[in-house]
Amino acid sequence: MNHEYQRYRFARVEGHNITRARLEAQFRDGITDLEELENVIEQQLTMAPMCTPWRKSEVEQTGSREGMRMAALEFYWAHRRRLRLASVNNSAEEKTTADRTVDASGNKPHR
């Protein structure tokens, strides 16, 4: 394996692992707000790669930066889908509950 590529690959994996761990720790209690998730990911994608300051060469810095971005995007897409599904399921449950709601006289309220 090419020595330069190996340094790049190790830095990319390291940047990916550190970023994923940071995001998981930040949302340890769960993600309930899609907008909050989007803001955190936006910040992650725009900030300078500081998670691996020991990576000095340009190749290693590029690898680390790409690993960070890849982890942030993977995290976003994995949780975005789950949040959207939960939102759709909650909407369906609320609609079903509203359809079952009756007033004291046993009539369904008008909408």
Protein backbone atom coordinates (compact mmCIF):
# COMPACT_ATOMS: atom_id res chain seq x y z
CA MET A 1 0.00 0.00 0.00
CA ASN A 2 1.26 3.46 -0.85
CA HIS A 3 2.65 5.18 2.25
CA GLU A 4 0.87 8.49 1.50
CA TYR A 5 -2.45 6.75 0.99
CA GLN A 6 -2.00 4.80 4.22
CA ARG A 7 -1.42 8.03 6.18
CA TYR A 8 -4.50 9.56 4.53
CA ARG A 9 -6.63 6.50 5.29
CA PHE A 10 -5.58 6.31 8.94
CA ALA A 11 -6.30 10.03 9.41
CA ARG A 12 -9.69 9.68 7.71
CA VAL A 13 -10.68 6.75 9.93
CA GLU A 14 -9.48 8.61 13.01
CA GLY A 15 -11.39 11.79 12.09
CA HIS A 16 -14.50 9.71 11.37
CA ASN A 17 -14.35 7.83 14.68
CA ILE A 18 -13.72 10.94 16.78
CA THR A 19 -16.53 12.89 15.12
CA ARG A 20 -19.02 10.03 15.38
CA ALA A 21 -18.18 9.62 19.08
CA ARG A 22 -18.63 13.38 19.67
CA LEU A 23 -22.02 13.42 17.95
CA GLU A 24 -23.20 10.32 19.81
CA ALA A 25 -22.13 11.87 23.11
CA GLN A 26 -23.82 15.17 22.28
CA PHE A 27 -27.11 13.39 21.55
CA ARG A 28 -26.76 10.70 24.22
CA ASP A 29 -30.23 11.53 25.58
CA GLY A 30 -31.81 11.22 22.15
CA ILE A 31 -32.69 13.49 19.28
CA THR A 32 -36.15 14.94 19.28
CA ASP A 33 -35.74 18.05 17.14
CA LEU A 34 -34.73 17.82 13.49
CA GLU A 35 -33.79 21.50 13.41
CA GLU A 36 -31.38 21.05 16.33
CA LEU A 37 -29.78 18.10 14.56
CA GLU A 38 -29.42 20.10 11.35
CA ASN A 39 -27.80 23.01 13.21
CA VAL A 40 -25.27 20.75 14.94
CA ILE A 41 -24.38 19.02 11.66
CA GLU A 42 -24.05 22.38 9.90
CA GLN A 43 -21.64 23.56 12.59
CA GLN A 44 -19.70 20.31 12.32
CA LEU A 45 -19.37 20.65 8.55
CA THR A 46 -18.24 24.28 8.65
CA MET A 47 -15.81 24.19 11.56
CA ALA A 48 -12.10 23.77 11.06
CA PRO A 49 -10.89 20.22 11.68
CA MET A 50 -9.51 20.47 15.20
CA CYS A 51 -10.15 16.92 16.38
CA THR A 52 -6.75 15.67 15.16
CA PRO A 53 -4.21 18.47 15.69
CA TRP A 54 -1.38 15.92 15.74
CA ARG A 55 -2.00 15.28 12.03
CA LYS A 56 0.48 17.74 10.54
CA SER A 57 0.87 16.82 6.88
CA GLU A 58 -1.52 18.11 4.24
CA VAL A 59 -2.46 14.53 3.30
CA GLU A 60 -3.31 13.66 6.90
CA GLN A 61 -5.26 16.89 7.44
CA THR A 62 -7.26 16.21 4.28
CA GLY A 63 -7.99 12.66 5.42
CA SER A 64 -9.06 13.82 8.86
CA ARG A 65 -11.29 16.56 7.44
CA GLU A 66 -12.96 14.13 5.02
CA GLY A 67 -13.48 11.57 7.80
CA MET A 68 -15.12 14.24 9.97
CA ARG A 69 -17.45 15.29 7.18
CA MET A 70 -18.32 11.71 6.29
CA ALA A 71 -19.19 10.91 9.92
CA ALA A 72 -21.33 14.04 10.28
CA LEU A 73 -23.28 13.30 7.11
CA GLU A 74 -23.76 9.62 7.98
CA PHE A 75 -25.00 10.59 11.44
CA TYR A 76 -27.37 13.16 9.98
CA TRP A 77 -28.92 10.85 7.40
CA ALA A 78 -29.29 7.95 9.82
CA HIS A 79 -31.09 10.09 12.40
CA ARG A 80 -33.00 12.24 9.93
CA ARG A 81 -34.80 9.19 8.54
CA ARG A 82 -35.64 7.99 12.04
CA LEU A 83 -36.94 11.43 13.07
CA ARG A 84 -39.07 11.74 9.94
CA LEU A 85 -40.55 8.27 10.48
CA ALA A 86 -41.29 9.09 14.11
CA SER A 87 -42.91 12.35 13.04
CA VAL A 88 -45.10 10.59 10.48
CA ASN A 89 -46.06 7.91 13.01
CA ASN A 90 -46.93 10.55 15.63
CA SER A 91 -49.07 12.43 13.12
CA ALA A 92 -50.91 9.24 12.20
CA GLU A 93 -51.47 8.40 15.88
CA GLU A 94 -52.78 11.90 16.59
CA LYS A 95 -55.16 11.66 13.64
CA THR A 96 -56.39 8.26 14.78
CA THR A 97 -56.87 9.56 18.31
CA ALA A 98 -58.75 12.60 17.00
CA ASP A 99 -60.99 10.34 14.90
CA ARG A 100 -61.83 8.30 18.01
CA THR A 101 -62.53 11.33 20.17
CA VAL A 102 -66.16 11.89 21.03
CA ASP A 103 -67.79 14.53 23.14
CA ALA A 104 -69.79 13.86 26.31
CA SER A 105 -72.97 13.16 24.34
CA GLY A 106 -71.22 10.50 22.23
CA ASN A 107 -70.96 12.60 19.06
CA LYS A 108 -67.78 13.24 17.14
CA PRO A 109 -66.80 16.91 17.21
CA HIS A 110 -67.07 18.84 13.94
CA ARG A 111 -63.85 19.90 12.25
